[in-house]
Amino acid sequence: MNHTKGGLVIFTANSHPSSRELGKRIAERLGVEIGKVQVYQEDNRETRVQIQESVRGKDVFVIQTVSKDVNTTIMEMLITVKQCKMRKRGSIVTKLIASMMCKAGLTHLITMDLHQKEIQGFFTIPVDNLRASPFLLQYIQEEIPDYRNAVIVAKSPASAKRAQSFAERLRLGIAPNHLTTSPLSSSNFTGSQYTTASNTKPYSSPTKLSTT
């Protein structure tokens, strides 16, 4: 095998302890350090991979067995490979899923409330992103008599923009949560919470209208 001048790096994921042990032994035999990579899952079980060293110009080898949790181990491998190949590492999983869906044969996609409208650009097929907000706003105004005695809560920084939109259209205050999560355990967090009550009068015991 012809190696590049940049050398090589070996990564292992979380499929099985024996996989990591095999990776370490191969690295020792070749006289190189095992690659620095962090593989973990969010609270919603979405797989995340963080490559913690430069792989530019290097031959990259990913050692991964297929354990009983086949779906997870395959996604760990695919995301690791995609991370190594892309210079800009934002939205890696989304781009990978979009590519897989298109190659699987989809010809048109209808979605509901994408977190970011830019996601539509990851697909090579037509995408219609429907919005539920008009119906939700109508429901709040018609079915919740005291909705004006409420505050919109953004459960995460990612939802702050959408929460702000809801608050402005309903003329309510907004209470975003600013959370800093640890990659190793996204359930552990530190941070602060603040509330702004612009466009509203002082009120007591407000109802929380949560947006994700």
C-alpha atoms as a PDB file:
ATOM      1  CA  MET A   1       0.000   0.000   0.000  1.00  0.00           C
ATOM      2  CA  ASN A   2       1.296   3.446  -0.929  1.00  0.00           C
ATOM      3  CA  HIS A   3       1.069   5.818   2.009  1.00  0.00           C
ATOM      4  CA  THR A   4       0.837   9.587   1.724  1.00  0.00           C
ATOM      5  CA  LYS A   5       3.694  11.760   2.923  1.00  0.00           C
ATOM      6  CA  GLY A   6       1.522  13.013   5.798  1.00  0.00           C
ATOM      7  CA  GLY A   7       1.610   9.627   7.503  1.00  0.00           C
ATOM      8  CA  LEU A   8      -1.331   7.696   8.835  1.00  0.00           C
ATOM      9  CA  VAL A   9      -3.818   7.801  11.681  1.00  0.00           C
ATOM     10  CA  ILE A  10      -5.982   5.048  13.179  1.00  0.00           C
ATOM     11  CA  PHE A  11      -9.376   5.720  14.716  1.00  0.00           C
ATOM     12  CA  THR A  12     -11.675   3.384  16.631  1.00  0.00           C
ATOM     13  CA  ALA A  13     -15.285   4.009  17.658  1.00  0.00           C
ATOM     14  CA  ASN A  14     -17.476   2.445  20.344  1.00  0.00           C
ATOM     15  CA  SER A  15     -18.729  -0.740  18.704  1.00  0.00           C
ATOM     16  CA  HIS A  16     -16.963  -3.109  21.122  1.00  0.00           C
ATOM     17  CA  PRO A  17     -14.045  -3.032  23.583  1.00  0.00           C
ATOM     18  CA  SER A  18     -12.248  -5.592  21.436  1.00  0.00           C
ATOM     19  CA  SER A  19     -12.363  -3.148  18.523  1.00  0.00           C
ATOM     20  CA  ARG A  20     -10.584  -0.484  20.552  1.00  0.00           C
ATOM     21  CA  GLU A  21      -8.055  -3.021  21.800  1.00  0.00           C
ATOM     22  CA  LEU A  22      -7.375  -4.155  18.242  1.00  0.00           C
ATOM     23  CA  GLY A  23      -6.861  -0.564  17.182  1.00  0.00           C
ATOM     24  CA  LYS A  24      -4.354   0.011  19.986  1.00  0.00           C
ATOM     25  CA  ARG A  25      -2.369  -3.093  19.070  1.00  0.00           C
ATOM     26  CA  ILE A  26      -2.267  -2.161  15.394  1.00  0.00           C
ATOM     27  CA  ALA A  27      -1.091   1.334  16.297  1.00  0.00           C
ATOM     28  CA  GLU A  28       1.630  -0.068  18.572  1.00  0.00           C
ATOM     29  CA  ARG A  29       2.791  -2.441  15.846  1.00  0.00           C
ATOM     30  CA  LEU A  30       3.037   0.431  13.351  1.00  0.00           C
ATOM     31  CA  GLY A  31       4.695   2.725  15.879  1.00  0.00           C
ATOM     32  CA  VAL A  32       1.989   5.400  15.820  1.00  0.00           C
ATOM     33  CA  GLU A  33      -0.385   6.888  18.394  1.00  0.00           C
ATOM     34  CA  ILE A  34      -4.044   5.907  18.292  1.00  0.00           C
ATOM     35  CA  GLY A  35      -6.082   8.727  16.787  1.00  0.00           C
ATOM     36  CA  LYS A  36      -7.880  11.159  19.080  1.00  0.00           C
ATOM     37  CA  VAL A  37     -11.615  10.918  18.455  1.00  0.00           C
ATOM     38  CA  GLN A  38     -14.661  11.335  20.668  1.00  0.00           C
ATOM     39  CA  VAL A  39     -17.755   9.300  19.819  1.00  0.00           C
ATOM     40  CA  TYR A  40     -20.883   9.770  21.910  1.00  0.00           C
ATOM     41  CA  GLN A  41     -24.667   9.990  21.741  1.00  0.00           C
ATOM     42  CA  GLU A  42     -26.969  12.893  22.532  1.00  0.00           C
ATOM     43  CA  ASP A  43     -29.946  12.443  24.832  1.00  0.00           C
ATOM     44  CA  ASN A  44     -32.064  11.653  21.771  1.00  0.00           C
ATOM     45  CA  ARG A  45     -29.508   8.932  20.808  1.00  0.00           C
ATOM     46  CA  GLU A  46     -28.166  10.902  17.851  1.00  0.00           C
ATOM     47  CA  THR A  47     -24.570   9.822  17.206  1.00  0.00           C
ATOM     48  CA  ARG A  48     -21.906  12.525  17.417  1.00  0.00           C
ATOM     49  CA  VAL A  49     -18.258  12.264  16.398  1.00  0.00           C
ATOM     50  CA  GLN A  50     -15.548  14.807  17.129  1.00  0.00           C
ATOM     51  CA  ILE A  51     -12.181  14.371  15.408  1.00  0.00           C
ATOM     52  CA  GLN A  52      -9.722  15.962  17.814  1.00  0.00           C
ATOM     53  CA  GLU A  53      -6.653  16.156  15.611  1.00  0.00           C
ATOM     54  CA  SER A  54      -5.763  17.169  12.079  1.00  0.00           C
ATOM     55  CA  VAL A  55      -6.035  14.440   9.446  1.00  0.00           C
ATOM     56  CA  ARG A  56      -5.173  16.598   6.454  1.00  0.00           C
ATOM     57  CA  GLY A  57      -2.869  14.800   4.039  1.00  0.00           C
ATOM     58  CA  LYS A  58      -2.943  11.560   6.062  1.00  0.00           C
ATOM     59  CA  ASP A  59      -4.128   8.036   5.375  1.00  0.00           C
ATOM     60  CA  VAL A  60      -6.998   7.396   7.793  1.00  0.00           C
ATOM     61  CA  PHE A  61      -8.010   3.915   8.956  1.00  0.00           C
ATOM     62  CA  VAL A  62     -11.239   3.398  10.897  1.00  0.00           C
ATOM     63  CA  ILE A  63     -11.501   0.154  12.867  1.00  0.00           C
ATOM     64  CA  GLN A  64     -15.086  -0.731  13.687  1.00  0.00           C
ATOM     65  CA  THR A  65     -16.797  -4.054  14.304  1.00  0.00           C
ATOM     66  CA  VAL A  66     -20.503  -4.672  13.714  1.00  0.00           C
ATOM     67  CA  SER A  67     -21.941  -5.512  17.118  1.00  0.00           C
ATOM     68  CA  LYS A  68     -25.491  -6.343  18.172  1.00  0.00           C
ATOM     69  CA  ASP A  69     -26.426  -2.664  17.810  1.00  0.00           C
ATOM     70  CA  VAL A  70     -25.883  -2.698  14.060  1.00  0.00           C
ATOM     71  CA  ASN A  71     -27.503   0.649  13.244  1.00  0.00           C
ATOM     72  CA  THR A  72     -25.419   2.560  15.784  1.00  0.00           C
ATOM     73  CA  THR A  73     -22.108   0.975  14.823  1.00  0.00           C
ATOM     74  CA  ILE A  74     -22.695   1.617  11.125  1.00  0.00           C
ATOM     75  CA  MET A  75     -23.612   5.261  11.759  1.00  0.00           C
ATOM     76  CA  GLU A  76     -20.537   5.718  13.970  1.00  0.00           C
ATOM     77  CA  MET A  77     -18.347   4.464  11.137  1.00  0.00           C
ATOM     78  CA  LEU A  78     -20.046   6.546   8.428  1.00  0.00           C
ATOM     79  CA  ILE A  79     -20.008   9.744  10.493  1.00  0.00           C
ATOM     80  CA  THR A  80     -16.345   9.239  11.421  1.00  0.00           C
ATOM     81  CA  VAL A  81     -15.425   8.817   7.748  1.00  0.00           C
ATOM     82  CA  LYS A  82     -17.487  11.872   6.776  1.00  0.00           C
ATOM     83  CA  GLN A  83     -15.863  13.949   9.517  1.00  0.00           C
ATOM     84  CA  CYS A  84     -12.417  13.076   8.189  1.00  0.00           C
ATOM     85  CA  LYS A  85     -13.286  14.036   4.611  1.00  0.00           C
ATOM     86  CA  MET A  86     -14.965  17.382   5.268  1.00  0.00           C
ATOM     87  CA  ARG A  87     -13.021  20.527   6.061  1.00  0.00           C
ATOM     88  CA  LYS A  88     -16.055  22.336   7.466  1.00  0.00           C
ATOM     89  CA  ARG A  89     -17.494  20.034  10.090  1.00  0.00           C
ATOM     90  CA  GLY A  90     -20.838  21.698  10.746  1.00  0.00           C
ATOM     91  CA  SER A  91     -24.042  19.730  10.103  1.00  0.00           C
ATOM     92  CA  ILE A  92     -22.069  16.576   9.269  1.00  0.00           C
ATOM     93  CA  VAL A  93     -24.825  14.161  10.257  1.00  0.00           C
ATOM     94  CA  THR A  94     -27.507  16.118   8.420  1.00  0.00           C
ATOM     95  CA  LYS A  95     -25.494  16.175   5.196  1.00  0.00           C
ATOM     96  CA  LEU A  96     -24.744  12.471   5.495  1.00  0.00           C
ATOM     97  CA  ILE A  97     -28.396  11.561   6.064  1.00  0.00           C
ATOM     98  CA  ALA A  98     -29.487  13.769   3.154  1.00  0.00           C
ATOM     99  CA  SER A  99     -27.000  12.065   0.850  1.00  0.00           C
ATOM    100  CA  MET A 100     -28.103   8.599   1.972  1.00  0.00           C
ATOM    101  CA  MET A 101     -31.794   9.421   1.486  1.00  0.00           C
ATOM    102  CA  CYS A 102     -31.204  10.716  -2.032  1.00  0.00           C
ATOM    103  CA  LYS A 103     -29.051   7.739  -3.034  1.00  0.00           C
ATOM    104  CA  ALA A 104     -31.696   5.389  -1.612  1.00  0.00           C
ATOM    105  CA  GLY A 105     -34.041   6.614  -4.346  1.00  0.00           C
ATOM    106  CA  LEU A 106     -36.149   9.460  -2.918  1.00  0.00           C
ATOM    107  CA  THR A 107     -37.442  11.812  -5.601  1.00  0.00           C
ATOM    108  CA  HIS A 108     -39.268  14.373  -3.423  1.00  0.00           C
ATOM    109  CA  LEU A 109     -39.213  15.192   0.296  1.00  0.00           C
ATOM    110  CA  ILE A 110     -41.886  16.882   2.418  1.00  0.00           C
ATOM    111  CA  THR A 111     -40.739  17.951   5.888  1.00  0.00           C
ATOM    112  CA  MET A 112     -42.276  19.792   8.818  1.00  0.00           C
ATOM    113  CA  ASP A 113     -40.474  22.614  10.635  1.00  0.00           C
ATOM    114  CA  LEU A 114     -36.807  21.988   9.854  1.00  0.00           C
ATOM    115  CA  HIS A 115     -34.569  23.512  12.526  1.00  0.00           C
ATOM    116  CA  GLN A 116     -32.739  25.468   9.827  1.00  0.00           C
ATOM    117  CA  LYS A 117     -34.030  26.216   6.348  1.00  0.00           C
ATOM    118  CA  GLU A 118     -30.502  25.788   4.969  1.00  0.00           C
ATOM    119  CA  ILE A 119     -30.907  22.032   5.467  1.00  0.00           C
ATOM    120  CA  GLN A 120     -32.974  21.952   2.285  1.00  0.00           C
ATOM    121  CA  GLY A 121     -29.802  22.714   0.337  1.00  0.00           C
ATOM    122  CA  PHE A 122     -28.226  19.422   1.465  1.00  0.00           C
ATOM    123  CA  PHE A 123     -30.627  17.485  -0.748  1.00  0.00           C
ATOM    124  CA  THR A 124     -30.334  17.004  -4.514  1.00  0.00           C
ATOM    125  CA  ILE A 125     -34.111  16.542  -4.802  1.00  0.00           C
ATOM    126  CA  PRO A 126     -37.008  18.983  -4.341  1.00  0.00           C
ATOM    127  CA  VAL A 127     -37.806  19.703  -0.674  1.00  0.00           C
ATOM    128  CA  ASP A 128     -41.018  21.247   0.659  1.00  0.00           C
ATOM    129  CA  ASN A 129     -40.637  22.452   4.243  1.00  0.00           C
ATOM    130  CA  LEU A 130     -44.095  22.963   5.727  1.00  0.00           C
ATOM    131  CA  ARG A 131     -44.613  25.187   8.756  1.00  0.00           C
ATOM    132  CA  ALA A 132     -46.879  24.368  11.680  1.00  0.00           C
ATOM    133  CA  SER A 133     -46.593  27.771  13.351  1.00  0.00           C
ATOM    134  CA  PRO A 134     -49.701  29.386  11.779  1.00  0.00           C
ATOM    135  CA  PHE A 135     -51.904  26.575  13.093  1.00  0.00           C
ATOM    136  CA  LEU A 136     -50.226  26.555  16.504  1.00  0.00           C
ATOM    137  CA  LEU A 137     -50.595  30.321  16.865  1.00  0.00           C
ATOM    138  CA  GLN A 138     -54.236  30.106  15.876  1.00  0.00           C
ATOM    139  CA  TYR A 139     -54.814  27.328  18.416  1.00  0.00           C
ATOM    140  CA  ILE A 140     -53.172  29.335  21.217  1.00  0.00           C
ATOM    141  CA  GLN A 141     -55.208  32.447  20.457  1.00  0.00           C
ATOM    142  CA  GLU A 142     -58.521  30.619  20.141  1.00  0.00           C
ATOM    143  CA  GLU A 143     -58.253  27.812  22.703  1.00  0.00           C
ATOM    144  CA  ILE A 144     -56.219  29.326  25.578  1.00  0.00           C
ATOM    145  CA  PRO A 145     -58.319  32.112  27.133  1.00  0.00           C
ATOM    146  CA  ASP A 146     -55.542  33.625  29.282  1.00  0.00           C
ATOM    147  CA  TYR A 147     -52.653  33.087  26.869  1.00  0.00           C
ATOM    148  CA  ARG A 148     -51.632  36.750  27.263  1.00  0.00           C
ATOM    149  CA  ASN A 149     -50.634  35.890  30.830  1.00  0.00           C
ATOM    150  CA  ALA A 150     -47.882  33.641  29.486  1.00  0.00           C
ATOM    151  CA  VAL A 151     -44.223  33.593  28.549  1.00  0.00           C
ATOM    152  CA  ILE A 152     -42.601  31.759  25.650  1.00  0.00           C
ATOM    153  CA  VAL A 153     -39.789  29.447  26.787  1.00  0.00           C
ATOM    154  CA  ALA A 154     -36.962  28.467  24.442  1.00  0.00           C
ATOM    155  CA  LYS A 155     -35.760  25.097  25.704  1.00  0.00           C
ATOM    156  CA  SER A 156     -32.362  25.428  24.017  1.00  0.00           C
ATOM    157  CA  PRO A 157     -30.250  28.076  22.251  1.00  0.00           C
ATOM    158  CA  ALA A 158     -31.132  26.446  18.928  1.00  0.00           C
ATOM    159  CA  SER A 159     -34.816  27.206  19.449  1.00  0.00           C
ATOM    160  CA  ALA A 160     -34.333  30.811  20.590  1.00  0.00           C
ATOM    161  CA  LYS A 161     -34.960  32.333  17.155  1.00  0.00           C
ATOM    162  CA  ARG A 162     -38.216  30.421  16.703  1.00  0.00           C
ATOM    163  CA  ALA A 163     -39.303  31.283  20.251  1.00  0.00           C
ATOM    164  CA  GLN A 164     -38.621  34.954  19.548  1.00  0.00           C
ATOM    165  CA  SER A 165     -40.836  34.751  16.450  1.00  0.00           C
ATOM    166  CA  PHE A 166     -43.677  33.211  18.472  1.00  0.00           C
ATOM    167  CA  ALA A 167     -43.275  35.819  21.215  1.00  0.00           C
ATOM    168  CA  GLU A 168     -43.407  38.727  18.774  1.00  0.00           C
ATOM    169  CA  ARG A 169     -46.504  37.453  16.978  1.00  0.00           C
ATOM    170  CA  LEU A 170     -48.318  36.711  20.231  1.00  0.00           C
ATOM    171  CA  ARG A 171     -46.984  39.872  21.915  1.00  0.00           C
ATOM    172  CA  LEU A 172     -45.545  37.897  24.819  1.00  0.00           C
ATOM    173  CA  GLY A 173     -42.281  37.809  26.733  1.00  0.00           C
ATOM    174  CA  ILE A 174     -39.572  35.251  26.040  1.00  0.00           C
ATOM    175  CA  ALA A 175     -37.449  33.236  28.480  1.00  0.00           C
ATOM    176  CA  PRO A 176     -34.580  31.537  26.618  1.00  0.00           C
ATOM    177  CA  ASN A 177     -32.334  29.000  28.345  1.00  0.00           C
ATOM    178  CA  HIS A 178     -28.623  29.388  27.685  1.00  0.00           C
ATOM    179  CA  LEU A 179     -27.156  25.929  28.197  1.00  0.00           C
ATOM    180  CA  THR A 180     -23.605  24.687  27.818  1.00  0.00           C
ATOM    181  CA  THR A 181     -23.592  20.917  27.361  1.00  0.00           C
ATOM    182  CA  SER A 182     -20.719  18.506  27.771  1.00  0.00           C
ATOM    183  CA  PRO A 183     -20.011  16.286  24.738  1.00  0.00           C
ATOM    184  CA  LEU A 184     -19.562  13.343  27.082  1.00  0.00           C
ATOM    185  CA  SER A 185     -22.932  13.783  28.740  1.00  0.00           C
ATOM    186  CA  SER A 186     -25.367  16.225  27.247  1.00  0.00           C
ATOM    187  CA  SER A 187     -27.648  15.734  30.244  1.00  0.00           C
ATOM    188  CA  ASN A 188     -25.150  17.626  32.426  1.00  0.00           C
ATOM    189  CA  PHE A 189     -25.209  21.362  31.897  1.00  0.00           C
ATOM    190  CA  THR A 190     -24.287  24.676  33.394  1.00  0.00           C
ATOM    191  CA  GLY A 191     -25.496  28.114  32.515  1.00  0.00           C
ATOM    192  CA  SER A 192     -27.990  30.791  33.379  1.00  0.00           C
ATOM    193  CA  GLN A 193     -31.544  31.664  32.490  1.00  0.00           C
ATOM    194  CA  TYR A 194     -32.950  35.104  31.926  1.00  0.00           C
ATOM    195  CA  THR A 195     -36.356  36.510  31.068  1.00  0.00           C
ATOM    196  CA  THR A 196     -37.208  39.561  29.009  1.00  0.00           C
ATOM    197  CA  ALA A 197     -40.742  40.879  29.095  1.00  0.00           C
ATOM    198  CA  SER A 198     -40.743  43.440  26.313  1.00  0.00           C
ATOM    199  CA  ASN A 199     -44.132  44.254  24.781  1.00  0.00           C
ATOM    200  CA  THR A 200     -45.872  42.850  27.875  1.00  0.00           C
ATOM    201  CA  LYS A 201     -47.224  44.210  31.122  1.00  0.00           C
ATOM    202  CA  PRO A 202     -46.067  42.873  34.494  1.00  0.00           C
ATOM    203  CA  TYR A 203     -47.900  39.721  35.435  1.00  0.00           C
ATOM    204  CA  SER A 204     -47.865  37.031  38.101  1.00  0.00           C
ATOM    205  CA  SER A 205     -47.868  33.216  37.880  1.00  0.00           C
ATOM    206  CA  PRO A 206     -47.337  33.134  34.100  1.00  0.00           C
ATOM    207  CA  THR A 207     -48.221  30.156  31.954  1.00  0.00           C
ATOM    208  CA  LYS A 208     -45.256  28.663  30.107  1.00  0.00           C
ATOM    209  CA  LEU A 209     -45.657  28.008  26.387  1.00  0.00           C
ATOM    210  CA  SER A 210     -42.661  25.864  25.516  1.00  0.00           C
ATOM    211  CA  THR A 211     -41.152  25.724  22.047  1.00  0.00           C
ATOM    212  CA  THR A 212     -38.521  23.229  20.873  1.00  0.00           C
END
